[in-house]
Amino acid sequence: MDEYEEAVEATARRLRRARAATEKAQAEHITAVLDALRAGRPPMRVAELSPFSDAHLRQLARKAGIPRAVKGKTAN
């Protein structure tokens, strides 16, 4: 194996590790977002703190069975 192939192999290995770390972080973030919504935190506040769009957060919430927020109602 020459230096070019070694470089390709090494960078591919780093890329796979980075992708795995990103997937893990994303799964942890989704869990935190859903936990916050289930605890009654205002969806717009959760969206402000998240890199995900509010539309994506709504989609995740509906998929997880979290009902729509009641307008004007806030958590204690």
N, C-alpha and C. Protein backbone atom coordinates (compact mmCIF):
# COMPACT_ATOMS: atom_id res chain seq x y z
N MET A 1 0.87 -1.18 0.00
CA MET A 1 0.00 0.00 0.00
C MET A 1 0.91 1.23 0.00
N ASP A 2 0.65 2.16 -0.89
CA ASP A 2 1.47 3.37 -0.96
C ASP A 2 0.89 4.48 -0.07
N GLU A 3 1.58 5.61 -0.03
CA GLU A 3 1.18 6.71 0.85
C GLU A 3 -0.20 7.28 0.52
N TYR A 4 -0.59 7.24 -0.74
CA TYR A 4 -1.91 7.76 -1.14
C TYR A 4 -3.03 6.85 -0.65
N GLU A 5 -2.82 5.56 -0.81
CA GLU A 5 -3.82 4.59 -0.34
C GLU A 5 -3.93 4.63 1.18
N GLU A 6 -2.79 4.79 1.85
CA GLU A 6 -2.80 4.90 3.31
C GLU A 6 -3.57 6.15 3.75
N ALA A 7 -3.37 7.24 3.03
CA ALA A 7 -4.09 8.48 3.34
C ALA A 7 -5.59 8.30 3.13
N VAL A 8 -5.97 7.64 2.03
CA VAL A 8 -7.39 7.39 1.77
C VAL A 8 -7.98 6.52 2.87
N GLU A 9 -7.26 5.47 3.23
CA GLU A 9 -7.75 4.56 4.28
C GLU A 9 -7.87 5.28 5.62
N ALA A 10 -6.86 6.07 5.97
CA ALA A 10 -6.89 6.78 7.25
C ALA A 10 -8.01 7.82 7.31
N THR A 11 -8.19 8.57 6.24
CA THR A 11 -9.25 9.58 6.26
C THR A 11 -10.63 8.94 6.22
N ALA A 12 -10.75 7.81 5.56
CA ALA A 12 -12.04 7.09 5.55
C ALA A 12 -12.38 6.61 6.96
N ARG A 13 -11.36 6.12 7.66
CA ARG A 13 -11.57 5.65 9.04
C ARG A 13 -12.01 6.81 9.92
N ARG A 14 -11.36 7.97 9.78
CA ARG A 14 -11.75 9.16 10.57
C ARG A 14 -13.16 9.62 10.22
N LEU A 15 -13.49 9.57 8.95
CA LEU A 15 -14.82 9.99 8.51
C LEU A 15 -15.89 9.07 9.09
N ARG A 16 -15.64 7.77 9.10
CA ARG A 16 -16.61 6.83 9.68
C ARG A 16 -16.80 7.09 11.17
N ARG A 17 -15.71 7.36 11.88
CA ARG A 17 -15.80 7.66 13.31
C ARG A 17 -16.59 8.96 13.54
N ALA A 18 -16.32 9.96 12.72
CA ALA A 18 -17.02 11.24 12.86
C ALA A 18 -18.51 11.08 12.59
N ARG A 19 -18.85 10.30 11.58
CA ARG A 19 -20.27 10.07 11.28
C ARG A 19 -20.96 9.35 12.43
N ALA A 20 -20.28 8.35 13.00
CA ALA A 20 -20.86 7.62 14.13
C ALA A 20 -21.07 8.55 15.32
N ALA A 21 -20.10 9.43 15.57
CA ALA A 21 -20.22 10.37 16.69
C ALA A 21 -21.37 11.35 16.44
N THR A 22 -21.52 11.79 15.20
CA THR A 22 -22.60 12.71 14.85
C THR A 22 -23.96 12.05 15.04
N GLU A 23 -24.08 10.80 14.60
CA GLU A 23 -25.34 10.07 14.76
C GLU A 23 -25.68 9.89 16.23
N LYS A 24 -24.68 9.60 17.05
CA LYS A 24 -24.91 9.44 18.49
C LYS A 24 -25.35 10.76 19.11
N ALA A 25 -24.66 11.85 18.77
CA ALA A 25 -25.02 13.16 19.31
C ALA A 25 -26.42 13.57 18.87
N GLN A 26 -26.79 13.27 17.63
CA GLN A 26 -28.12 13.62 17.14
C GLN A 26 -29.19 12.83 17.91
N ALA A 27 -28.95 11.55 18.13
CA ALA A 27 -29.91 10.73 18.88
C ALA A 27 -30.07 11.25 20.31
N GLU A 28 -28.96 11.65 20.93
CA GLU A 28 -29.03 12.20 22.29
C GLU A 28 -29.78 13.53 22.30
N HIS A 29 -29.56 14.34 21.28
CA HIS A 29 -30.26 15.63 21.20
C HIS A 29 -31.76 15.43 21.01
N ILE A 30 -32.14 14.50 20.17
CA ILE A 30 -33.56 14.22 19.95
C ILE A 30 -34.21 13.77 21.25
N THR A 31 -33.52 12.92 22.00
CA THR A 31 -34.04 12.47 23.30
C THR A 31 -34.23 13.66 24.24
N ALA A 32 -33.24 14.55 24.28
CA ALA A 32 -33.34 15.73 25.16
C ALA A 32 -34.49 16.64 24.74
N VAL A 33 -34.64 16.84 23.44
CA VAL A 33 -35.73 17.68 22.93
C VAL A 33 -37.09 17.09 23.30
N LEU A 34 -37.26 15.80 23.06
CA LEU A 34 -38.54 15.16 23.36
C LEU A 34 -38.82 15.17 24.86
N ASP A 35 -37.78 14.95 25.68
CA ASP A 35 -37.96 15.01 27.13
C ASP A 35 -38.42 16.41 27.56
N ALA A 36 -37.82 17.44 26.97
CA ALA A 36 -38.21 18.82 27.31
C ALA A 36 -39.66 19.09 26.92
N LEU A 37 -40.05 18.64 25.74
CA LEU A 37 -41.44 18.85 25.30
C LEU A 37 -42.42 18.07 26.18
N ARG A 38 -42.06 16.85 26.53
CA ARG A 38 -42.93 16.04 27.41
C ARG A 38 -43.06 16.69 28.79
N ALA A 39 -42.01 17.40 29.22
CA ALA A 39 -42.04 18.08 30.52
C ALA A 39 -42.81 19.40 30.45
N GLY A 40 -43.32 19.73 29.27
CA GLY A 40 -44.15 20.91 29.13
C GLY A 40 -43.40 22.19 28.79
N ARG A 41 -42.14 22.07 28.42
CA ARG A 41 -41.41 23.27 28.03
C ARG A 41 -42.00 23.85 26.76
N PRO A 42 -42.02 25.17 26.63
CA PRO A 42 -42.60 25.79 25.43
C PRO A 42 -41.84 25.36 24.16
N PRO A 43 -42.56 24.87 23.17
CA PRO A 43 -41.92 24.40 21.95
C PRO A 43 -41.04 25.44 21.27
N MET A 44 -41.46 26.70 21.30
CA MET A 44 -40.65 27.74 20.66
C MET A 44 -39.33 27.93 21.40
N ARG A 45 -39.35 27.80 22.71
CA ARG A 45 -38.10 27.92 23.48
C ARG A 45 -37.18 26.74 23.17
N VAL A 46 -37.76 25.55 23.10
CA VAL A 46 -36.96 24.37 22.77
C VAL A 46 -36.35 24.54 21.37
N ALA A 47 -37.14 25.07 20.44
CA ALA A 47 -36.65 25.29 19.08
C ALA A 47 -35.52 26.32 19.06
N GLU A 48 -35.60 27.34 19.91
CA GLU A 48 -34.53 28.35 19.98
C GLU A 48 -33.20 27.73 20.40
N LEU A 49 -33.27 26.72 21.25
CA LEU A 49 -32.06 26.09 21.79
C LEU A 49 -31.52 24.97 20.90
N SER A 50 -32.28 24.58 19.92
CA SER A 50 -31.94 23.44 19.08
C SER A 50 -31.46 23.88 17.70
N PRO A 51 -30.55 23.11 17.11
CA PRO A 51 -30.16 23.40 15.73
C PRO A 51 -31.21 22.95 14.72
N PHE A 52 -32.20 22.19 15.17
CA PHE A 52 -33.27 21.72 14.29
C PHE A 52 -34.31 22.83 14.09
N SER A 53 -34.94 22.83 12.94
CA SER A 53 -36.00 23.81 12.69
C SER A 53 -37.21 23.49 13.55
N ASP A 54 -38.06 24.50 13.78
CA ASP A 54 -39.27 24.24 14.57
C ASP A 54 -40.18 23.24 13.84
N ALA A 55 -40.18 23.26 12.53
CA ALA A 55 -40.98 22.29 11.78
C ALA A 55 -40.48 20.87 12.02
N HIS A 56 -39.17 20.70 12.05
CA HIS A 56 -38.62 19.37 12.29
C HIS A 56 -38.93 18.91 13.72
N LEU A 57 -38.86 19.84 14.66
CA LEU A 57 -39.18 19.50 16.05
C LEU A 57 -40.64 19.08 16.18
N ARG A 58 -41.53 19.79 15.48
CA ARG A 58 -42.95 19.40 15.52
C ARG A 58 -43.13 18.00 14.94
N GLN A 59 -42.43 17.72 13.86
CA GLN A 59 -42.52 16.39 13.24
C GLN A 59 -42.04 15.31 14.22
N LEU A 60 -40.92 15.56 14.89
CA LEU A 60 -40.41 14.59 15.86
C LEU A 60 -41.41 14.39 17.00
N ALA A 61 -41.98 15.51 17.47
CA ALA A 61 -42.94 15.44 18.58
C ALA A 61 -44.18 14.63 18.19
N ARG A 62 -44.74 14.89 17.02
CA ARG A 62 -45.93 14.15 16.60
C ARG A 62 -45.62 12.66 16.44
N LYS A 63 -44.45 12.37 15.89
CA LYS A 63 -44.04 10.96 15.71
C LYS A 63 -43.88 10.25 17.05
N ALA A 64 -43.48 11.02 18.09
CA ALA A 64 -43.30 10.46 19.42
C ALA A 64 -44.59 10.46 20.23
N GLY A 65 -45.68 10.93 19.62
CA GLY A 65 -46.97 10.93 20.31
C GLY A 65 -47.16 12.10 21.26
N ILE A 66 -46.37 13.12 21.13
CA ILE A 66 -46.52 14.31 21.97
C ILE A 66 -47.56 15.21 21.32
N PRO A 67 -48.61 15.54 22.06
CA PRO A 67 -49.67 16.38 21.47
C PRO A 67 -49.21 17.81 21.21
N ARG A 68 -49.94 18.47 20.35
CA ARG A 68 -49.64 19.88 20.06
C ARG A 68 -49.73 20.69 21.34
N ALA A 69 -48.92 21.73 21.40
CA ALA A 69 -48.95 22.62 22.55
C ALA A 69 -50.23 23.45 22.53
N VAL A 70 -50.72 23.77 23.71
CA VAL A 70 -51.88 24.64 23.83
C VAL A 70 -51.37 26.07 23.82
N LYS A 71 -51.87 26.86 22.92
CA LYS A 71 -51.40 28.25 22.77
C LYS A 71 -51.60 29.02 24.05
N GLY A 72 -50.53 29.68 24.50
CA GLY A 72 -50.59 30.51 25.69
C GLY A 72 -50.36 29.76 26.98
N LYS A 73 -50.32 28.44 26.94
CA LYS A 73 -50.11 27.66 28.15
C LYS A 73 -48.61 27.38 28.31
N THR A 74 -48.08 27.64 29.51
CA THR A 74 -46.67 27.40 29.76
C THR A 74 -46.51 26.43 30.92
N ALA A 75 -45.34 25.80 30.95
CA ALA A 75 -45.04 24.86 32.03
C ALA A 75 -44.66 25.64 33.29
N ASN A 76 -44.82 25.01 34.42
CA ASN A 76 -44.45 25.64 35.70
C ASN A 76 -42.96 25.65 35.87
